[in-house]
Amino acid sequence: VWPREIEEVISSHPAVAEVGVIGVPDQMRGEVVKAFVVLRPGHSATPSELKFFCRDRLVHYKVPAKYELVTELPKTQVGKVLRRILRQAEDNTEEVELVAAGPDAP
């Protein structure tokens, strides 16, 4: 799965200003697609709306399983999305969730 292809589809949604896509671990599938989405000022869209939008335009295995609405994306000086920073943030979030759940959590 090429992130750019998925990003182009999501970017074509009228409410989307920018998007960055990464693969994240999934217990059932090994890895799934996650989209970090910045909305245009004055526009709104829910993760469910974005998922339905993608379902009409991508084959099922390319449709992101997870969506996170963010205010900005980390970028290089030339404006390219830094996917490694998104992955690091995702890894840190998972660690925080595991600690918050406690050692006895399933």
PDB file of N, CA and C in Angstrom:
ATOM      1  N   VAL A   1       0.849  -1.182   0.000  1.00  0.00           N
ATOM      2  CA  VAL A   1       0.000   0.000   0.000  1.00  0.00           C
ATOM      3  C   VAL A   1       0.892   1.243   0.000  1.00  0.00           C
ATOM      4  N   TRP A   2       0.670   2.119  -0.947  1.00  0.00           N
ATOM      5  CA  TRP A   2       1.433   3.360  -1.043  1.00  0.00           C
ATOM      6  C   TRP A   2       0.687   4.481  -0.333  1.00  0.00           C
ATOM      7  N   PRO A   3       1.281   5.082   0.691  1.00  0.00           N
ATOM      8  CA  PRO A   3       0.609   6.160   1.429  1.00  0.00           C
ATOM      9  C   PRO A   3       0.152   7.303   0.533  1.00  0.00           C
ATOM     10  N   ARG A   4       0.946   7.650  -0.459  1.00  0.00           N
ATOM     11  CA  ARG A   4       0.627   8.804  -1.311  1.00  0.00           C
ATOM     12  C   ARG A   4      -0.716   8.624  -2.009  1.00  0.00           C
ATOM     13  N   GLU A   5      -0.995   7.424  -2.484  1.00  0.00           N
ATOM     14  CA  GLU A   5      -2.268   7.158  -3.168  1.00  0.00           C
ATOM     15  C   GLU A   5      -3.446   7.416  -2.228  1.00  0.00           C
ATOM     16  N   ILE A   6      -3.336   6.943  -1.005  1.00  0.00           N
ATOM     17  CA  ILE A   6      -4.403   7.130  -0.020  1.00  0.00           C
ATOM     18  C   ILE A   6      -4.523   8.606   0.346  1.00  0.00           C
ATOM     19  N   GLU A   7      -3.387   9.268   0.519  1.00  0.00           N
ATOM     20  CA  GLU A   7      -3.392  10.697   0.853  1.00  0.00           C
ATOM     21  C   GLU A   7      -4.058  11.526  -0.242  1.00  0.00           C
ATOM     22  N   GLU A   8      -3.818  11.178  -1.498  1.00  0.00           N
ATOM     23  CA  GLU A   8      -4.433  11.910  -2.605  1.00  0.00           C
ATOM     24  C   GLU A   8      -5.949  11.783  -2.578  1.00  0.00           C
ATOM     25  N   VAL A   9      -6.445  10.598  -2.281  1.00  0.00           N
ATOM     26  CA  VAL A   9      -7.895  10.392  -2.210  1.00  0.00           C
ATOM     27  C   VAL A   9      -8.491  11.206  -1.068  1.00  0.00           C
ATOM     28  N   ILE A  10      -7.906  11.110   0.125  1.00  0.00           N
ATOM     29  CA  ILE A  10      -8.438  11.841   1.275  1.00  0.00           C
ATOM     30  C   ILE A  10      -8.343  13.343   1.039  1.00  0.00           C
ATOM     31  N   SER A  11      -7.256  13.799   0.421  1.00  0.00           N
ATOM     32  CA  SER A  11      -7.079  15.228   0.138  1.00  0.00           C
ATOM     33  C   SER A  11      -8.132  15.766  -0.820  1.00  0.00           C
ATOM     34  N   SER A  12      -8.748  14.896  -1.606  1.00  0.00           N
ATOM     35  CA  SER A  12      -9.782  15.350  -2.537  1.00  0.00           C
ATOM     36  C   SER A  12     -11.117  15.621  -1.845  1.00  0.00           C
ATOM     37  N   HIS A  13     -11.239  15.261  -0.573  1.00  0.00           N
ATOM     38  CA  HIS A  13     -12.455  15.578   0.190  1.00  0.00           C
ATOM     39  C   HIS A  13     -12.493  17.089   0.388  1.00  0.00           C
ATOM     40  N   PRO A  14     -13.640  17.725   0.164  1.00  0.00           N
ATOM     41  CA  PRO A  14     -13.712  19.188   0.241  1.00  0.00           C
ATOM     42  C   PRO A  14     -13.357  19.789   1.604  1.00  0.00           C
ATOM     43  N   ALA A  15     -13.468  19.035   2.683  1.00  0.00           N
ATOM     44  CA  ALA A  15     -13.180  19.571   4.018  1.00  0.00           C
ATOM     45  C   ALA A  15     -11.720  19.387   4.432  1.00  0.00           C
ATOM     46  N   VAL A  16     -10.953  18.643   3.640  1.00  0.00           N
ATOM     47  CA  VAL A  16      -9.587  18.286   4.041  1.00  0.00           C
ATOM     48  C   VAL A  16      -8.562  19.260   3.464  1.00  0.00           C
ATOM     49  N   ALA A  17      -7.716  19.783   4.359  1.00  0.00           N
ATOM     50  CA  ALA A  17      -6.619  20.660   3.944  1.00  0.00           C
ATOM     51  C   ALA A  17      -5.354  19.850   3.700  1.00  0.00           C
ATOM     52  N   GLU A  18      -5.034  18.954   4.633  1.00  0.00           N
ATOM     53  CA  GLU A  18      -3.813  18.146   4.548  1.00  0.00           C
ATOM     54  C   GLU A  18      -4.054  16.784   5.176  1.00  0.00           C
ATOM     55  N   VAL A  19      -3.228  15.830   4.770  1.00  0.00           N
ATOM     56  CA  VAL A  19      -3.339  14.492   5.351  1.00  0.00           C
ATOM     57  C   VAL A  19      -1.979  13.797   5.323  1.00  0.00           C
ATOM     58  N   GLY A  20      -1.748  12.984   6.338  1.00  0.00           N
ATOM     59  CA  GLY A  20      -0.578  12.124   6.401  1.00  0.00           C
ATOM     60  C   GLY A  20      -1.040  10.730   6.777  1.00  0.00           C
ATOM     61  N   VAL A  21      -0.510   9.717   6.104  1.00  0.00           N
ATOM     62  CA  VAL A  21      -0.948   8.338   6.310  1.00  0.00           C
ATOM     63  C   VAL A  21       0.241   7.480   6.738  1.00  0.00           C
ATOM     64  N   ILE A  22       0.007   6.626   7.732  1.00  0.00           N
ATOM     65  CA  ILE A  22       1.032   5.678   8.187  1.00  0.00           C
ATOM     66  C   ILE A  22       0.379   4.321   8.440  1.00  0.00           C
ATOM     67  N   GLY A  23       1.206   3.311   8.588  1.00  0.00           N
ATOM     68  CA  GLY A  23       0.743   2.003   9.027  1.00  0.00           C
ATOM     69  C   GLY A  23       0.913   1.906  10.530  1.00  0.00           C
ATOM     70  N   VAL A  24      -0.089   1.361  11.213  1.00  0.00           N
ATOM     71  CA  VAL A  24      -0.013   1.183  12.665  1.00  0.00           C
ATOM     72  C   VAL A  24      -0.310  -0.279  13.003  1.00  0.00           C
ATOM     73  N   PRO A  25       0.270  -0.784  14.093  1.00  0.00           N
ATOM     74  CA  PRO A  25       0.043  -2.177  14.478  1.00  0.00           C
ATOM     75  C   PRO A  25      -1.434  -2.458  14.773  1.00  0.00           C
ATOM     76  N   ASP A  26      -1.853  -3.661  14.414  1.00  0.00           N
ATOM     77  CA  ASP A  26      -3.221  -4.099  14.671  1.00  0.00           C
ATOM     78  C   ASP A  26      -3.162  -5.564  15.099  1.00  0.00           C
ATOM     79  N   GLN A  27      -3.836  -5.893  16.190  1.00  0.00           N
ATOM     80  CA  GLN A  27      -3.782  -7.261  16.716  1.00  0.00           C
ATOM     81  C   GLN A  27      -4.352  -8.292  15.753  1.00  0.00           C
ATOM     82  N   MET A  28      -5.384  -7.932  15.010  1.00  0.00           N
ATOM     83  CA  MET A  28      -6.013  -8.899  14.112  1.00  0.00           C
ATOM     84  C   MET A  28      -5.340  -8.971  12.744  1.00  0.00           C
ATOM     85  N   ARG A  29      -4.963  -7.819  12.191  1.00  0.00           N
ATOM     86  CA  ARG A  29      -4.456  -7.777  10.819  1.00  0.00           C
ATOM     87  C   ARG A  29      -2.948  -7.569  10.710  1.00  0.00           C
ATOM     88  N   GLY A  30      -2.286  -7.388  11.828  1.00  0.00           N
ATOM     89  CA  GLY A  30      -0.849  -7.121  11.787  1.00  0.00           C
ATOM     90  C   GLY A  30      -0.554  -5.642  11.679  1.00  0.00           C
ATOM     91  N   GLU A  31      -1.119  -5.004  10.648  1.00  0.00           N
ATOM     92  CA  GLU A  31      -0.955  -3.564  10.465  1.00  0.00           C
ATOM     93  C   GLU A  31      -2.147  -3.028   9.684  1.00  0.00           C
ATOM     94  N   VAL A  32      -2.584  -1.829  10.048  1.00  0.00           N
ATOM     95  CA  VAL A  32      -3.673  -1.160   9.338  1.00  0.00           C
ATOM     96  C   VAL A  32      -3.240   0.268   9.016  1.00  0.00           C
ATOM     97  N   VAL A  33      -3.981   0.899   8.134  1.00  0.00           N
ATOM     98  CA  VAL A  33      -3.693   2.271   7.727  1.00  0.00           C
ATOM     99  C   VAL A  33      -4.363   3.243   8.692  1.00  0.00           C
ATOM    100  N   LYS A  34      -3.611   4.275   9.096  1.00  0.00           N
ATOM    101  CA  LYS A  34      -4.158   5.352   9.917  1.00  0.00           C
ATOM    102  C   LYS A  34      -3.889   6.669   9.212  1.00  0.00           C
ATOM    103  N   ALA A  35      -4.914   7.524   9.157  1.00  0.00           N
ATOM    104  CA  ALA A  35      -4.795   8.836   8.525  1.00  0.00           C
ATOM    105  C   ALA A  35      -4.863   9.935   9.576  1.00  0.00           C
ATOM    106  N   PHE A  36      -3.916  10.855   9.516  1.00  0.00           N
ATOM    107  CA  PHE A  36      -3.924  12.061  10.338  1.00  0.00           C
ATOM    108  C   PHE A  36      -4.417  13.173   9.422  1.00  0.00           C
ATOM    109  N   VAL A  37      -5.535  13.802   9.782  1.00  0.00           N
ATOM    110  CA  VAL A  37      -6.202  14.729   8.876  1.00  0.00           C
ATOM    111  C   VAL A  37      -6.311  16.125   9.483  1.00  0.00           C
ATOM    112  N   VAL A  38      -5.922  17.131   8.684  1.00  0.00           N
ATOM    113  CA  VAL A  38      -6.107  18.538   9.044  1.00  0.00           C
ATOM    114  C   VAL A  38      -7.271  19.047   8.198  1.00  0.00           C
ATOM    115  N   LEU A  39      -8.288  19.595   8.855  1.00  0.00           N
ATOM    116  CA  LEU A  39      -9.446  20.114   8.129  1.00  0.00           C
ATOM    117  C   LEU A  39      -9.232  21.569   7.728  1.00  0.00           C
ATOM    118  N   ARG A  40      -9.923  21.967   6.662  1.00  0.00           N
ATOM    119  CA  ARG A  40      -9.889  23.365   6.221  1.00  0.00           C
ATOM    120  C   ARG A  40     -10.635  24.224   7.242  1.00  0.00           C
ATOM    121  N   PRO A  41     -10.175  25.451   7.447  1.00  0.00           N
ATOM    122  CA  PRO A  41     -10.896  26.345   8.365  1.00  0.00           C
ATOM    123  C   PRO A  41     -12.353  26.511   7.922  1.00  0.00           C
ATOM    124  N   GLY A  42     -13.258  26.420   8.877  1.00  0.00           N
ATOM    125  CA  GLY A  42     -14.678  26.576   8.582  1.00  0.00           C
ATOM    126  C   GLY A  42     -15.356  25.335   8.040  1.00  0.00           C
ATOM    127  N   HIS A  43     -14.625  24.251   7.884  1.00  0.00           N
ATOM    128  CA  HIS A  43     -15.196  22.998   7.387  1.00  0.00           C
ATOM    129  C   HIS A  43     -15.200  21.963   8.506  1.00  0.00           C
ATOM    130  N   SER A  44     -16.042  20.971   8.342  1.00  0.00           N
ATOM    131  CA  SER A  44     -16.069  19.889   9.323  1.00  0.00           C
ATOM    132  C   SER A  44     -16.230  18.553   8.601  1.00  0.00           C
ATOM    133  N   ALA A  45     -15.718  17.532   9.239  1.00  0.00           N
ATOM    134  CA  ALA A  45     -15.867  16.157   8.761  1.00  0.00           C
ATOM    135  C   ALA A  45     -15.542  15.252   9.933  1.00  0.00           C
ATOM    136  N   THR A  46     -16.263  14.166  10.035  1.00  0.00           N
ATOM    137  CA  THR A  46     -16.006  13.198  11.095  1.00  0.00           C
ATOM    138  C   THR A  46     -15.170  12.053  10.523  1.00  0.00           C
ATOM    139  N   PRO A  47     -14.513  11.304  11.398  1.00  0.00           N
ATOM    140  CA  PRO A  47     -13.796  10.120  10.908  1.00  0.00           C
ATOM    141  C   PRO A  47     -14.707   9.177  10.113  1.00  0.00           C
ATOM    142  N   SER A  48     -15.956   9.029  10.540  1.00  0.00           N
ATOM    143  CA  SER A  48     -16.894   8.157   9.813  1.00  0.00           C
ATOM    144  C   SER A  48     -17.155   8.676   8.404  1.00  0.00           C
ATOM    145  N   GLU A  49     -17.343   9.987   8.269  1.00  0.00           N
ATOM    146  CA  GLU A  49     -17.560  10.577   6.941  1.00  0.00           C
ATOM    147  C   GLU A  49     -16.358  10.335   6.036  1.00  0.00           C
ATOM    148  N   LEU A  50     -15.175  10.525   6.596  1.00  0.00           N
ATOM    149  CA  LEU A  50     -13.960  10.326   5.806  1.00  0.00           C
ATOM    150  C   LEU A  50     -13.813   8.864   5.386  1.00  0.00           C
ATOM    151  N   LYS A  51     -14.177   7.949   6.277  1.00  0.00           N
ATOM    152  CA  LYS A  51     -14.093   6.523   5.955  1.00  0.00           C
ATOM    153  C   LYS A  51     -15.052   6.169   4.816  1.00  0.00           C
ATOM    154  N   PHE A  52     -16.291   6.665   4.880  1.00  0.00           N
ATOM    155  CA  PHE A  52     -17.248   6.399   3.801  1.00  0.00           C
ATOM    156  C   PHE A  52     -16.769   7.013   2.489  1.00  0.00           C
ATOM    157  N   PHE A  53     -16.188   8.200   2.556  1.00  0.00           N
ATOM    158  CA  PHE A  53     -15.637   8.863   1.377  1.00  0.00           C
ATOM    159  C   PHE A  53     -14.568   7.974   0.733  1.00  0.00           C
ATOM    160  N   CYS A  54     -13.686   7.434   1.554  1.00  0.00           N
ATOM    161  CA  CYS A  54     -12.607   6.573   1.048  1.00  0.00           C
ATOM    162  C   CYS A  54     -13.131   5.255   0.500  1.00  0.00           C
ATOM    163  N   ARG A  55     -14.157   4.710   1.110  1.00  0.00           N
ATOM    164  CA  ARG A  55     -14.707   3.413   0.664  1.00  0.00           C
ATOM    165  C   ARG A  55     -15.192   3.470  -0.779  1.00  0.00           C
ATOM    166  N   ASP A  56     -15.682   4.643  -1.194  1.00  0.00           N
ATOM    167  CA  ASP A  56     -16.161   4.794  -2.569  1.00  0.00           C
ATOM    168  C   ASP A  56     -15.024   4.955  -3.575  1.00  0.00           C
ATOM    169  N   ARG A  57     -13.799   5.207  -3.092  1.00  0.00           N
ATOM    170  CA  ARG A  57     -12.708   5.567  -3.983  1.00  0.00           C
ATOM    171  C   ARG A  57     -11.470   4.669  -3.901  1.00  0.00           C
ATOM    172  N   LEU A  58     -11.424   3.802  -2.904  1.00  0.00           N
ATOM    173  CA  LEU A  58     -10.266   2.922  -2.714  1.00  0.00           C
ATOM    174  C   LEU A  58     -10.720   1.475  -2.537  1.00  0.00           C
ATOM    175  N   VAL A  59      -9.852   0.537  -2.890  1.00  0.00           N
ATOM    176  CA  VAL A  59     -10.156  -0.859  -2.590  1.00  0.00           C
ATOM    177  C   VAL A  59     -10.136  -1.030  -1.071  1.00  0.00           C
ATOM    178  N   HIS A  60     -10.867  -1.993  -0.570  1.00  0.00           N
ATOM    179  CA  HIS A  60     -11.121  -2.119   0.868  1.00  0.00           C
ATOM    180  C   HIS A  60      -9.867  -2.146   1.734  1.00  0.00           C
ATOM    181  N   TYR A  61      -8.805  -2.807   1.280  1.00  0.00           N
ATOM    182  CA  TYR A  61      -7.614  -2.918   2.131  1.00  0.00           C
ATOM    183  C   TYR A  61      -6.793  -1.622   2.187  1.00  0.00           C
ATOM    184  N   LYS A  62      -7.105  -0.651   1.344  1.00  0.00           N
ATOM    185  CA  LYS A  62      -6.414   0.638   1.379  1.00  0.00           C
ATOM    186  C   LYS A  62      -7.177   1.692   2.180  1.00  0.00           C
ATOM    187  N   VAL A  63      -8.423   1.415   2.525  1.00  0.00           N
ATOM    188  CA  VAL A  63      -9.223   2.370   3.301  1.00  0.00           C
ATOM    189  C   VAL A  63      -8.669   2.421   4.725  1.00  0.00           C
ATOM    190  N   PRO A  64      -8.292   3.614   5.197  1.00  0.00           N
ATOM    191  CA  PRO A  64      -7.777   3.698   6.570  1.00  0.00           C
ATOM    192  C   PRO A  64      -8.769   3.144   7.588  1.00  0.00           C
ATOM    193  N   ALA A  65      -8.247   2.380   8.530  1.00  0.00           N
ATOM    194  CA  ALA A  65      -9.068   1.829   9.606  1.00  0.00           C
ATOM    195  C   ALA A  65      -9.233   2.847  10.727  1.00  0.00           C
ATOM    196  N   LYS A  66      -8.268   3.777  10.819  1.00  0.00           N
ATOM    197  CA  LYS A  66      -8.281   4.772  11.889  1.00  0.00           C
ATOM    198  C   LYS A  66      -8.045   6.153  11.298  1.00  0.00           C
ATOM    199  N   TYR A  67      -8.694   7.141  11.910  1.00  0.00           N
ATOM    200  CA  TYR A  67      -8.546   8.537  11.496  1.00  0.00           C
ATOM    201  C   TYR A  67      -8.351   9.377  12.746  1.00  0.00           C
ATOM    202  N   GLU A  68      -7.431  10.321  12.668  1.00  0.00           N
ATOM    203  CA  GLU A  68      -7.240  11.252  13.775  1.00  0.00           C
ATOM    204  C   GLU A  68      -7.240  12.666  13.203  1.00  0.00           C
ATOM    205  N   LEU A  69      -8.151  13.495  13.710  1.00  0.00           N
ATOM    206  CA  LEU A  69      -8.207  14.884  13.277  1.00  0.00           C
ATOM    207  C   LEU A  69      -7.190  15.672  14.093  1.00  0.00           C
ATOM    208  N   VAL A  70      -6.289  16.369  13.405  1.00  0.00           N
ATOM    209  CA  VAL A  70      -5.224  17.129  14.055  1.00  0.00           C
ATOM    210  C   VAL A  70      -5.228  18.563  13.527  1.00  0.00           C
ATOM    211  N   THR A  71      -4.563  19.458  14.259  1.00  0.00           N
ATOM    212  CA  THR A  71      -4.515  20.857  13.829  1.00  0.00           C
ATOM    213  C   THR A  71      -3.380  21.130  12.854  1.00  0.00           C
ATOM    214  N   GLU A  72      -2.338  20.298  12.896  1.00  0.00           N
ATOM    215  CA  GLU A  72      -1.231  20.451  11.951  1.00  0.00           C
ATOM    216  C   GLU A  72      -0.459  19.144  11.847  1.00  0.00           C
ATOM    217  N   LEU A  73       0.313  19.037  10.770  1.00  0.00           N
ATOM    218  CA  LEU A  73       1.149  17.861  10.540  1.00  0.00           C
ATOM    219  C   LEU A  73       2.618  18.267  10.603  1.00  0.00           C
ATOM    220  N   PRO A  74       3.476  17.390  11.126  1.00  0.00           N
ATOM    221  CA  PRO A  74       4.908  17.693  11.118  1.00  0.00           C
ATOM    222  C   PRO A  74       5.432  17.606   9.683  1.00  0.00           C
ATOM    223  N   LYS A  75       6.227  18.607   9.275  1.00  0.00           N
ATOM    224  CA  LYS A  75       6.720  18.650   7.897  1.00  0.00           C
ATOM    225  C   LYS A  75       8.189  19.028   7.833  1.00  0.00           C
ATOM    226  N   THR A  76       8.794  18.667   6.711  1.00  0.00           N
ATOM    227  CA  THR A  76      10.164  19.090   6.431  1.00  0.00           C
ATOM    228  C   THR A  76      10.139  20.552   6.004  1.00  0.00           C
ATOM    229  N   GLN A  77      11.305  21.121   5.791  1.00  0.00           N
ATOM    230  CA  GLN A  77      11.388  22.514   5.350  1.00  0.00           C
ATOM    231  C   GLN A  77      10.767  22.727   3.974  1.00  0.00           C
ATOM    232  N   VAL A  78      10.710  21.680   3.171  1.00  0.00           N
ATOM    233  CA  VAL A  78      10.101  21.807   1.844  1.00  0.00           C
ATOM    234  C   VAL A  78       8.620  21.416   1.837  1.00  0.00           C
ATOM    235  N   GLY A  79       8.057  21.131   3.007  1.00  0.00           N
ATOM    236  CA  GLY A  79       6.629  20.872   3.119  1.00  0.00           C
ATOM    237  C   GLY A  79       6.194  19.425   3.030  1.00  0.00           C
ATOM    238  N   LYS A  80       7.128  18.491   3.020  1.00  0.00           N
ATOM    239  CA  LYS A  80       6.778  17.068   2.962  1.00  0.00           C
ATOM    240  C   LYS A  80       6.420  16.577   4.370  1.00  0.00           C
ATOM    241  N   VAL A  81       5.346  15.798   4.474  1.00  0.00           N
ATOM    242  CA  VAL A  81       4.909  15.273   5.770  1.00  0.00           C
ATOM    243  C   VAL A  81       5.960  14.312   6.315  1.00  0.00           C
ATOM    244  N   LEU A  82       6.302  14.504   7.580  1.00  0.00           N
ATOM    245  CA  LEU A  82       7.278  13.637   8.252  1.00  0.00           C
ATOM    246  C   LEU A  82       6.547  12.440   8.872  1.00  0.00           C
ATOM    247  N   ARG A  83       6.422  11.371   8.103  1.00  0.00           N
ATOM    248  CA  ARG A  83       5.698  10.184   8.570  1.00  0.00           C
ATOM    249  C   ARG A  83       6.376   9.547   9.781  1.00  0.00           C
ATOM    250  N   ARG A  84       7.697   9.632   9.853  1.00  0.00           N
ATOM    251  CA  ARG A  84       8.395   9.026  10.999  1.00  0.00           C
ATOM    252  C   ARG A  84       7.991   9.715  12.301  1.00  0.00           C
ATOM    253  N   ILE A  85       7.728  11.023  12.257  1.00  0.00           N
ATOM    254  CA  ILE A  85       7.274  11.740  13.452  1.00  0.00           C
ATOM    255  C   ILE A  85       5.861  11.278  13.814  1.00  0.00           C
ATOM    256  N   LEU A  86       5.019  11.067  12.810  1.00  0.00           N
ATOM    257  CA  LEU A  86       3.668  10.550  13.073  1.00  0.00           C
ATOM    258  C   LEU A  86       3.756   9.162  13.704  1.00  0.00           C
ATOM    259  N   ARG A  87       4.659   8.314  13.185  1.00  0.00           N
ATOM    260  CA  ARG A  87       4.832   6.968  13.752  1.00  0.00           C
ATOM    261  C   ARG A  87       5.332   7.036  15.192  1.00  0.00           C
ATOM    262  N   GLN A  88       6.293   7.927  15.449  1.00  0.00           N
ATOM    263  CA  GLN A  88       6.811   8.077  16.811  1.00  0.00           C
ATOM    264  C   GLN A  88       5.708   8.537  17.758  1.00  0.00           C
ATOM    265  N   ALA A  89       4.902   9.482  17.320  1.00  0.00           N
ATOM    266  CA  ALA A  89       3.797   9.970  18.154  1.00  0.00           C
ATOM    267  C   ALA A  89       2.801   8.844  18.414  1.00  0.00           C
ATOM    268  N   GLU A  90       2.542   8.042  17.408  1.00  0.00           N
ATOM    269  CA  GLU A  90       1.623   6.907  17.556  1.00  0.00           C
ATOM    270  C   GLU A  90       2.196   5.888  18.532  1.00  0.00           C
ATOM    271  N   ASP A  91       3.481   5.589  18.425  1.00  0.00           N
ATOM    272  CA  ASP A  91       4.127   4.648  19.347  1.00  0.00           C
ATOM    273  C   ASP A  91       4.049   5.155  20.777  1.00  0.00           C
ATOM    274  N   ASN A  92       4.297   6.442  20.982  1.00  0.00           N
ATOM    275  CA  ASN A  92       4.222   7.029  22.325  1.00  0.00           C
ATOM    276  C   ASN A  92       2.806   6.983  22.871  1.00  0.00           C
ATOM    277  N   THR A  93       1.810   7.204  22.009  1.00  0.00           N
ATOM    278  CA  THR A  93       0.411   7.150  22.432  1.00  0.00           C
ATOM    279  C   THR A  93       0.063   5.747  22.904  1.00  0.00           C
ATOM    280  N   GLU A  94       0.511   4.726  22.162  1.00  0.00           N
ATOM    281  CA  GLU A  94       0.219   3.345  22.548  1.00  0.00           C
ATOM    282  C   GLU A  94       0.865   3.014  23.882  1.00  0.00           C
ATOM    283  N   GLU A  95       2.094   3.489  24.108  1.00  0.00           N
ATOM    284  CA  GLU A  95       2.767   3.236  25.379  1.00  0.00           C
ATOM    285  C   GLU A  95       2.015   3.891  26.523  1.00  0.00           C
ATOM    286  N   VAL A  96       1.555   5.118  26.310  1.00  0.00           N
ATOM    287  CA  VAL A  96       0.798   5.827  27.346  1.00  0.00           C
ATOM    288  C   VAL A  96      -0.500   5.085  27.644  1.00  0.00           C
ATOM    289  N   GLU A  97      -1.187   4.586  26.603  1.00  0.00           N
ATOM    290  CA  GLU A  97      -2.430   3.854  26.814  1.00  0.00           C
ATOM    291  C   GLU A  97      -2.177   2.571  27.597  1.00  0.00           C
ATOM    292  N   LEU A  98      -1.083   1.876  27.302  1.00  0.00           N
ATOM    293  CA  LEU A  98      -0.771   0.641  28.018  1.00  0.00           C
ATOM    294  C   LEU A  98      -0.472   0.921  29.483  1.00  0.00           C
ATOM    295  N   VAL A  99       0.266   1.964  29.764  1.00  0.00           N
ATOM    296  CA  VAL A  99       0.582   2.323  31.147  1.00  0.00           C
ATOM    297  C   VAL A  99      -0.687   2.738  31.879  1.00  0.00           C
ATOM    298  N   ALA A 100      -1.538   3.526  31.212  1.00  0.00           N
ATOM    299  CA  ALA A 100      -2.774   3.989  31.839  1.00  0.00           C
ATOM    300  C   ALA A 100      -3.704   2.821  32.146  1.00  0.00           C
ATOM    301  N   ALA A 101      -3.668   1.791  31.295  1.00  0.00           N
ATOM    302  CA  ALA A 101      -4.533   0.633  31.503  1.00  0.00           C
ATOM    303  C   ALA A 101      -4.060  -0.213  32.670  1.00  0.00           C
ATOM    304  N   GLY A 102      -2.782  -0.137  32.974  1.00  0.00           N
ATOM    305  CA  GLY A 102      -2.246  -0.900  34.093  1.00  0.00           C
ATOM    306  C   GLY A 102      -1.689  -2.233  33.657  1.00  0.00           C
ATOM    307  N   PRO A 103      -0.872  -2.846  34.482  1.00  0.00           N
ATOM    308  CA  PRO A 103      -0.206  -4.097  34.106  1.00  0.00           C
ATOM    309  C   PRO A 103      -1.151  -5.285  33.985  1.00  0.00           C
ATOM    310  N   ASP A 104      -2.305  -5.246  34.628  1.00  0.00           N
ATOM    311  CA  ASP A 104      -3.231  -6.378  34.579  1.00  0.00           C
ATOM    312  C   ASP A 104      -4.251  -6.264  33.455  1.00  0.00           C
ATOM    313  N   ALA A 105      -4.193  -5.181  32.692  1.00  0.00           N
ATOM    314  CA  ALA A 105      -5.175  -4.967  31.622  1.00  0.00           C
ATOM    315  C   ALA A 105      -4.956  -5.981  30.506  1.00  0.00           C
ATOM    316  N   PRO A 106      -6.024  -6.420  29.848  1.00  0.00           N
ATOM    317  CA  PRO A 106      -5.893  -7.394  28.750  1.00  0.00           C
ATOM    318  C   PRO A 106      -5.222  -6.803  27.535  1.00  0.00           C
TER     319      PRO A 106
END
